[in-house]
């Protein structure tokens, strides 16, 4: 008798490598954003602004920059997220953490309450999102993530996306004067142009999540009824 063919296990081992990487990436990202949430809440309740910004802005910028990895994950086909949507969301946040918080450290936006709402909206969103992805990857095809985690993933965006985008937009608006004084008039005009892009960008992301919610939660309802 001939030896059994072992090509199938090799294929499964190859596909397991990006899955293990994605589980690690999502788990680490959820943990890092948990630190952002804890620091924001603790400092906001104990000392308030400007200390919330002073103590958290650089670490938040580094953690947000880690999301650049998601662009490569999408481009390489490791995840199903649309590449254009991923690029839009990642770079809009990088504009805030590097183009405002780091480049314009004395901007009024950094010491305003919108910095706190920004960190809260981002961190809660990301904790839920990364936890859902990690749970989904660990479960595999035969088991679905917790229905509570699934509901949070596809429901909390109704509130957290608008509050996050509003905080981003308000941060840019409050920074226009400082941008002109520190960098130049061209940078202030560039920020104004970016503000215009926020309108279709937010609409695209928001409607995409609504469609995903109907797709995922609607499918769960069908499974329960069967």
C-alpha atoms as a PDB file:
ATOM      1  CA  UNK A   1       0.000   0.000   0.000  1.00  0.00           C
ATOM      2  CA  UNK A   2       1.155   3.509  -0.751  1.00  0.00           C
ATOM      3  CA  UNK A   3       1.795   5.993   2.041  1.00  0.00           C
ATOM      4  CA  UNK A   4      -1.101   8.328   2.887  1.00  0.00           C
ATOM      5  CA  UNK A   5      -0.980  11.761   1.295  1.00  0.00           C
ATOM      6  CA  UNK A   6      -0.024  14.500   3.802  1.00  0.00           C
ATOM      7  CA  UNK A   7      -0.708  17.569   1.681  1.00  0.00           C
ATOM      8  CA  UNK A   8      -3.936  18.477   3.514  1.00  0.00           C
ATOM      9  CA  UNK A   9      -2.319  18.818   6.967  1.00  0.00           C
ATOM     10  CA  UNK A  10       0.451  20.924   5.422  1.00  0.00           C
ATOM     11  CA  UNK A  11      -2.121  23.260   3.974  1.00  0.00           C
ATOM     12  CA  UNK A  12      -3.917  23.567   7.305  1.00  0.00           C
ATOM     13  CA  UNK A  13      -0.595  24.298   9.020  1.00  0.00           C
ATOM     14  CA  UNK A  14       0.129  27.060   6.516  1.00  0.00           C
ATOM     15  CA  UNK A  15      -3.269  28.647   7.070  1.00  0.00           C
ATOM     16  CA  UNK A  16      -2.816  28.392  10.827  1.00  0.00           C
ATOM     17  CA  UNK A  17       0.215  30.698  10.829  1.00  0.00           C
ATOM     18  CA  UNK A  18      -1.641  33.936   9.911  1.00  0.00           C
ATOM     19  CA  UNK A  19      -4.479  32.893  12.222  1.00  0.00           C
ATOM     20  CA  UNK A  20      -2.140  32.614  15.225  1.00  0.00           C
ATOM     21  CA  UNK A  21      -0.560  35.932  14.262  1.00  0.00           C
ATOM     22  CA  UNK A  22      -3.967  37.620  14.028  1.00  0.00           C
ATOM     23  CA  UNK A  23      -5.065  36.203  17.402  1.00  0.00           C
ATOM     24  CA  UNK A  24      -1.896  37.591  18.996  1.00  0.00           C
ATOM     25  CA  UNK A  25      -2.246  40.961  17.251  1.00  0.00           C
ATOM     26  CA  UNK A  26      -5.900  41.422  18.209  1.00  0.00           C
ATOM     27  CA  UNK A  27      -5.367  40.260  21.794  1.00  0.00           C
ATOM     28  CA  UNK A  28      -2.417  42.599  22.307  1.00  0.00           C
ATOM     29  CA  UNK A  29      -4.297  45.504  20.714  1.00  0.00           C
ATOM     30  CA  UNK A  30      -7.330  44.944  22.968  1.00  0.00           C
ATOM     31  CA  UNK A  31      -5.042  44.952  26.016  1.00  0.00           C
ATOM     32  CA  UNK A  32      -3.273  48.141  24.940  1.00  0.00           C
ATOM     33  CA  UNK A  33      -6.545  49.975  24.358  1.00  0.00           C
ATOM     34  CA  UNK A  34      -7.718  48.789  27.779  1.00  0.00           C
ATOM     35  CA  UNK A  35      -4.779  50.723  29.211  1.00  0.00           C
ATOM     36  CA  UNK A  36      -5.864  53.818  27.284  1.00  0.00           C
ATOM     37  CA  UNK A  37      -9.398  53.485  28.657  1.00  0.00           C
ATOM     38  CA  UNK A  38      -8.221  52.963  32.237  1.00  0.00           C
ATOM     39  CA  UNK A  39      -5.768  55.869  32.127  1.00  0.00           C
ATOM     40  CA  UNK A  40      -8.325  58.193  30.544  1.00  0.00           C
ATOM     41  CA  UNK A  41     -11.068  57.409  33.061  1.00  0.00           C
ATOM     42  CA  UNK A  42      -8.751  57.436  36.076  1.00  0.00           C
ATOM     43  CA  UNK A  43      -7.033  60.705  35.189  1.00  0.00           C
ATOM     44  CA  UNK A  44     -10.259  62.397  34.075  1.00  0.00           C
ATOM     45  CA  UNK A  45     -11.898  61.597  37.419  1.00  0.00           C
ATOM     46  CA  UNK A  46      -8.886  62.463  39.600  1.00  0.00           C
ATOM     47  CA  UNK A  47      -6.966  65.344  38.020  1.00  0.00           C
ATOM     48  CA  UNK A  48      -8.778  66.274  34.789  1.00  0.00           C
ATOM     49  CA  UNK A  49      -7.346  68.336  31.967  1.00  0.00           C
ATOM     50  CA  UNK A  50      -4.657  69.280  31.023  1.00  0.00           C
ATOM     51  CA  UNK A  51      -3.118  66.313  32.842  1.00  0.00           C
ATOM     52  CA  UNK A  52      -5.161  63.735  30.933  1.00  0.00           C
ATOM     53  CA  UNK A  53      -3.530  64.885  27.710  1.00  0.00           C
ATOM     54  CA  UNK A  54      -0.074  65.357  29.211  1.00  0.00           C
ATOM     55  CA  UNK A  55       0.012  61.853  30.716  1.00  0.00           C
ATOM     56  CA  UNK A  56      -1.626  59.904  27.885  1.00  0.00           C
ATOM     57  CA  UNK A  57      -1.064  61.583  24.512  1.00  0.00           C
ATOM     58  CA  UNK A  58       2.206  59.928  23.497  1.00  0.00           C
ATOM     59  CA  UNK A  59       1.286  56.405  24.560  1.00  0.00           C
ATOM     60  CA  UNK A  60      -2.076  56.762  22.803  1.00  0.00           C
ATOM     61  CA  UNK A  61      -0.283  57.917  19.650  1.00  0.00           C
ATOM     62  CA  UNK A  62       1.985  54.857  19.697  1.00  0.00           C
ATOM     63  CA  UNK A  63      -0.901  52.463  20.301  1.00  0.00           C
ATOM     64  CA  UNK A  64      -2.931  54.032  17.494  1.00  0.00           C
ATOM     65  CA  UNK A  65       0.067  53.860  15.151  1.00  0.00           C
ATOM     66  CA  UNK A  66       0.132  50.101  15.661  1.00  0.00           C
ATOM     67  CA  UNK A  67      -3.104  50.020  13.646  1.00  0.00           C
ATOM     68  CA  UNK A  68      -1.036  50.605  10.487  1.00  0.00           C
ATOM     69  CA  UNK A  69      -0.535  46.828  10.626  1.00  0.00           C
ATOM     70  CA  UNK A  70      -4.213  46.455   9.717  1.00  0.00           C
ATOM     71  CA  UNK A  71      -3.571  48.058   6.338  1.00  0.00           C
ATOM     72  CA  UNK A  72      -1.040  45.345   5.540  1.00  0.00           C
ATOM     73  CA  UNK A  73      -3.380  42.660   6.912  1.00  0.00           C
ATOM     74  CA  UNK A  74      -6.095  43.842   4.539  1.00  0.00           C
ATOM     75  CA  UNK A  75      -3.745  44.251   1.574  1.00  0.00           C
ATOM     76  CA  UNK A  76      -2.276  40.756   2.049  1.00  0.00           C
ATOM     77  CA  UNK A  77      -5.717  39.173   2.397  1.00  0.00           C
ATOM     78  CA  UNK A  78      -5.307  38.083   6.014  1.00  0.00           C
ATOM     79  CA  UNK A  79      -8.608  39.785   6.858  1.00  0.00           C
ATOM     80  CA  UNK A  80     -11.748  40.540   4.856  1.00  0.00           C
ATOM     81  CA  UNK A  81     -11.931  44.236   5.766  1.00  0.00           C
ATOM     82  CA  UNK A  82     -12.062  46.477   2.661  1.00  0.00           C
ATOM     83  CA  UNK A  83      -8.655  48.059   2.055  1.00  0.00           C
ATOM     84  CA  UNK A  84      -9.969  51.545   1.255  1.00  0.00           C
ATOM     85  CA  UNK A  85     -12.146  51.607   4.382  1.00  0.00           C
ATOM     86  CA  UNK A  86      -9.240  50.451   6.523  1.00  0.00           C
ATOM     87  CA  UNK A  87      -6.840  53.047   5.084  1.00  0.00           C
ATOM     88  CA  UNK A  88      -9.392  55.829   5.553  1.00  0.00           C
ATOM     89  CA  UNK A  89     -10.054  54.989   9.185  1.00  0.00           C
ATOM     90  CA  UNK A  90      -6.413  54.455  10.154  1.00  0.00           C
ATOM     91  CA  UNK A  91      -5.082  57.613   8.528  1.00  0.00           C
ATOM     92  CA  UNK A  92      -7.879  59.812   9.892  1.00  0.00           C
ATOM     93  CA  UNK A  93      -6.771  58.805  13.376  1.00  0.00           C
ATOM     94  CA  UNK A  94      -3.077  59.179  12.603  1.00  0.00           C
ATOM     95  CA  UNK A  95      -3.846  62.738  11.538  1.00  0.00           C
ATOM     96  CA  UNK A  96      -5.187  63.413  15.025  1.00  0.00           C
ATOM     97  CA  UNK A  97      -2.488  61.719  17.119  1.00  0.00           C
ATOM     98  CA  UNK A  98       0.476  62.940  15.051  1.00  0.00           C
ATOM     99  CA  UNK A  99      -0.849  65.919  13.085  1.00  0.00           C
ATOM    100  CA  UNK A 100      -2.530  67.512  16.114  1.00  0.00           C
ATOM    101  CA  UNK A 101      -1.421  66.002  19.423  1.00  0.00           C
ATOM    102  CA  UNK A 102       2.290  65.647  18.610  1.00  0.00           C
ATOM    103  CA  UNK A 103       2.851  68.329  15.981  1.00  0.00           C
ATOM    104  CA  UNK A 104       0.744  70.943  17.808  1.00  0.00           C
ATOM    105  CA  UNK A 105       1.185  70.146  21.520  1.00  0.00           C
ATOM    106  CA  UNK A 106      -0.129  73.564  22.587  1.00  0.00           C
ATOM    107  CA  UNK A 107      -3.325  73.328  20.540  1.00  0.00           C
ATOM    108  CA  UNK A 108      -6.445  74.226  22.572  1.00  0.00           C
ATOM    109  CA  UNK A 109      -7.953  70.938  21.391  1.00  0.00           C
ATOM    110  CA  UNK A 110      -5.461  68.953  23.423  1.00  0.00           C
ATOM    111  CA  UNK A 111      -6.629  70.449  26.718  1.00  0.00           C
ATOM    112  CA  UNK A 112     -10.318  70.489  25.820  1.00  0.00           C
ATOM    113  CA  UNK A 113     -12.922  67.945  26.927  1.00  0.00           C
ATOM    114  CA  UNK A 114     -13.021  66.660  23.328  1.00  0.00           C
ATOM    115  CA  UNK A 115      -9.669  64.960  23.954  1.00  0.00           C
ATOM    116  CA  UNK A 116     -11.286  62.914  26.728  1.00  0.00           C
ATOM    117  CA  UNK A 117     -14.335  61.978  24.641  1.00  0.00           C
ATOM    118  CA  UNK A 118     -11.985  61.102  21.793  1.00  0.00           C
ATOM    119  CA  UNK A 119      -9.967  58.677  23.918  1.00  0.00           C
ATOM    120  CA  UNK A 120     -13.100  57.164  25.434  1.00  0.00           C
ATOM    121  CA  UNK A 121     -14.772  56.633  22.056  1.00  0.00           C
ATOM    122  CA  UNK A 122     -11.662  55.169  20.464  1.00  0.00           C
ATOM    123  CA  UNK A 123     -10.681  52.914  23.356  1.00  0.00           C
ATOM    124  CA  UNK A 124     -14.134  51.426  23.992  1.00  0.00           C
ATOM    125  CA  UNK A 125     -14.618  50.831  20.265  1.00  0.00           C
ATOM    126  CA  UNK A 126     -11.247  49.153  19.900  1.00  0.00           C
ATOM    127  CA  UNK A 127     -11.509  46.988  23.009  1.00  0.00           C
ATOM    128  CA  UNK A 128     -14.782  45.570  21.716  1.00  0.00           C
ATOM    129  CA  UNK A 129     -13.571  45.247  18.117  1.00  0.00           C
ATOM    130  CA  UNK A 130     -10.255  43.559  18.847  1.00  0.00           C
ATOM    131  CA  UNK A 131     -11.795  41.291  21.502  1.00  0.00           C
ATOM    132  CA  UNK A 132     -14.452  40.216  19.025  1.00  0.00           C
ATOM    133  CA  UNK A 133     -11.893  39.447  16.328  1.00  0.00           C
ATOM    134  CA  UNK A 134      -9.645  37.500  18.720  1.00  0.00           C
ATOM    135  CA  UNK A 135     -12.619  35.541  20.076  1.00  0.00           C
ATOM    136  CA  UNK A 136     -13.851  34.815  16.564  1.00  0.00           C
ATOM    137  CA  UNK A 137     -10.448  33.488  15.484  1.00  0.00           C
ATOM    138  CA  UNK A 138     -10.047  31.322  18.586  1.00  0.00           C
ATOM    139  CA  UNK A 139     -13.527  29.847  18.213  1.00  0.00           C
ATOM    140  CA  UNK A 140     -13.003  28.718  14.628  1.00  0.00           C
ATOM    141  CA  UNK A 141     -15.695  27.927  12.114  1.00  0.00           C
ATOM    142  CA  UNK A 142     -17.684  25.576  14.369  1.00  0.00           C
ATOM    143  CA  UNK A 143     -18.263  27.990  17.251  1.00  0.00           C
ATOM    144  CA  UNK A 144     -19.378  31.630  17.196  1.00  0.00           C
ATOM    145  CA  UNK A 145     -18.179  34.309  19.652  1.00  0.00           C
ATOM    146  CA  UNK A 146     -20.295  35.293  22.641  1.00  0.00           C
ATOM    147  CA  UNK A 147     -23.610  36.727  21.521  1.00  0.00           C
ATOM    148  CA  UNK A 148     -23.083  39.635  23.926  1.00  0.00           C
ATOM    149  CA  UNK A 149     -19.698  40.438  22.389  1.00  0.00           C
ATOM    150  CA  UNK A 150     -21.206  40.137  18.915  1.00  0.00           C
ATOM    151  CA  UNK A 151     -24.040  42.482  19.858  1.00  0.00           C
ATOM    152  CA  UNK A 152     -21.596  45.008  21.332  1.00  0.00           C
ATOM    153  CA  UNK A 153     -19.423  44.847  18.214  1.00  0.00           C
ATOM    154  CA  UNK A 154     -22.315  45.599  15.888  1.00  0.00           C
ATOM    155  CA  UNK A 155     -24.394  47.939  18.058  1.00  0.00           C
ATOM    156  CA  UNK A 156     -22.175  50.277  20.086  1.00  0.00           C
ATOM    157  CA  UNK A 157     -20.926  51.965  16.912  1.00  0.00           C
ATOM    158  CA  UNK A 158     -24.290  53.747  16.718  1.00  0.00           C
ATOM    159  CA  UNK A 159     -23.074  55.945  19.588  1.00  0.00           C
ATOM    160  CA  UNK A 160     -19.288  55.560  19.577  1.00  0.00           C
ATOM    161  CA  UNK A 161     -18.706  56.359  15.891  1.00  0.00           C
ATOM    162  CA  UNK A 162     -20.534  59.722  16.009  1.00  0.00           C
ATOM    163  CA  UNK A 163     -18.899  60.724  19.314  1.00  0.00           C
ATOM    164  CA  UNK A 164     -15.483  59.689  18.017  1.00  0.00           C
ATOM    165  CA  UNK A 165     -15.843  61.518  14.701  1.00  0.00           C
ATOM    166  CA  UNK A 166     -17.309  64.606  16.393  1.00  0.00           C
ATOM    167  CA  UNK A 167     -14.335  64.663  18.769  1.00  0.00           C
ATOM    168  CA  UNK A 168     -11.913  64.331  15.854  1.00  0.00           C
ATOM    169  CA  UNK A 169     -13.592  67.090  13.858  1.00  0.00           C
ATOM    170  CA  UNK A 170     -13.787  69.424  16.852  1.00  0.00           C
ATOM    171  CA  UNK A 171     -10.113  68.764  17.597  1.00  0.00           C
ATOM    172  CA  UNK A 172      -9.185  69.823  14.066  1.00  0.00           C
ATOM    173  CA  UNK A 173     -11.377  72.934  14.235  1.00  0.00           C
ATOM    174  CA  UNK A 174      -9.847  74.016  17.548  1.00  0.00           C
ATOM    175  CA  UNK A 175      -6.362  73.461  16.115  1.00  0.00           C
ATOM    176  CA  UNK A 176      -6.680  75.605  12.986  1.00  0.00           C
ATOM    177  CA  UNK A 177      -5.238  78.736  14.593  1.00  0.00           C
ATOM    178  CA  UNK A 178      -2.319  76.878  16.163  1.00  0.00           C
ATOM    179  CA  UNK A 179      -1.656  75.080  12.876  1.00  0.00           C
ATOM    180  CA  UNK A 180      -1.264  78.379  11.055  1.00  0.00           C
ATOM    181  CA  UNK A 181       0.953  79.879  13.761  1.00  0.00           C
ATOM    182  CA  UNK A 182       3.245  76.869  14.214  1.00  0.00           C
ATOM    183  CA  UNK A 183       3.419  75.254  10.760  1.00  0.00           C
ATOM    184  CA  UNK A 184       1.962  77.751   8.328  1.00  0.00           C
ATOM    185  CA  UNK A 185      -1.178  78.842   6.539  1.00  0.00           C
ATOM    186  CA  UNK A 186      -0.878  75.922   4.126  1.00  0.00           C
ATOM    187  CA  UNK A 187      -1.296  73.435   6.975  1.00  0.00           C
ATOM    188  CA  UNK A 188      -4.399  75.194   8.276  1.00  0.00           C
ATOM    189  CA  UNK A 189      -5.887  75.055   4.777  1.00  0.00           C
ATOM    190  CA  UNK A 190      -4.944  71.384   4.494  1.00  0.00           C
ATOM    191  CA  UNK A 191      -6.785  70.671   7.736  1.00  0.00           C
ATOM    192  CA  UNK A 192      -9.828  72.551   6.448  1.00  0.00           C
ATOM    193  CA  UNK A 193      -9.785  70.432   3.298  1.00  0.00           C
ATOM    194  CA  UNK A 194      -9.566  67.275   5.402  1.00  0.00           C
ATOM    195  CA  UNK A 195     -12.608  68.421   7.382  1.00  0.00           C
ATOM    196  CA  UNK A 196     -14.614  68.356   4.148  1.00  0.00           C
ATOM    197  CA  UNK A 197     -13.478  64.771   3.526  1.00  0.00           C
ATOM    198  CA  UNK A 198     -14.758  63.744   6.956  1.00  0.00           C
ATOM    199  CA  UNK A 199     -18.381  64.076   5.793  1.00  0.00           C
ATOM    200  CA  UNK A 200     -18.336  61.395   3.054  1.00  0.00           C
ATOM    201  CA  UNK A 201     -15.789  59.387   5.055  1.00  0.00           C
ATOM    202  CA  UNK A 202     -18.037  59.176   8.092  1.00  0.00           C
ATOM    203  CA  UNK A 203     -21.052  58.333   5.920  1.00  0.00           C
ATOM    204  CA  UNK A 204     -19.119  55.527   4.213  1.00  0.00           C
ATOM    205  CA  UNK A 205     -17.926  53.959   7.482  1.00  0.00           C
ATOM    206  CA  UNK A 206     -21.254  54.392   9.258  1.00  0.00           C
ATOM    207  CA  UNK A 207     -23.374  52.874   6.493  1.00  0.00           C
ATOM    208  CA  UNK A 208     -20.840  50.054   6.087  1.00  0.00           C
ATOM    209  CA  UNK A 209     -21.256  49.151   9.769  1.00  0.00           C
ATOM    210  CA  UNK A 210     -25.049  49.318   9.501  1.00  0.00           C
ATOM    211  CA  UNK A 211     -24.920  46.851   6.604  1.00  0.00           C
ATOM    212  CA  UNK A 212     -22.574  44.592   8.557  1.00  0.00           C
ATOM    213  CA  UNK A 213     -24.889  44.738  11.574  1.00  0.00           C
ATOM    214  CA  UNK A 214     -27.869  43.624   9.511  1.00  0.00           C
ATOM    215  CA  UNK A 215     -25.789  40.866   7.952  1.00  0.00           C
ATOM    216  CA  UNK A 216     -24.339  39.475  11.198  1.00  0.00           C
ATOM    217  CA  UNK A 217     -27.149  40.000  13.696  1.00  0.00           C
ATOM    218  CA  UNK A 218     -29.755  39.090  11.088  1.00  0.00           C
ATOM    219  CA  UNK A 219     -27.961  35.803  10.455  1.00  0.00           C
ATOM    220  CA  UNK A 220     -27.892  35.098  14.206  1.00  0.00           C
ATOM    221  CA  UNK A 221     -31.668  35.583  14.421  1.00  0.00           C
ATOM    222  CA  UNK A 222     -32.180  33.092  11.602  1.00  0.00           C
ATOM    223  CA  UNK A 223     -30.003  30.509  13.377  1.00  0.00           C
ATOM    224  CA  UNK A 224     -31.956  30.917  16.612  1.00  0.00           C
ATOM    225  CA  UNK A 225     -35.294  30.471  14.859  1.00  0.00           C
ATOM    226  CA  UNK A 226     -34.199  27.218  13.204  1.00  0.00           C
END
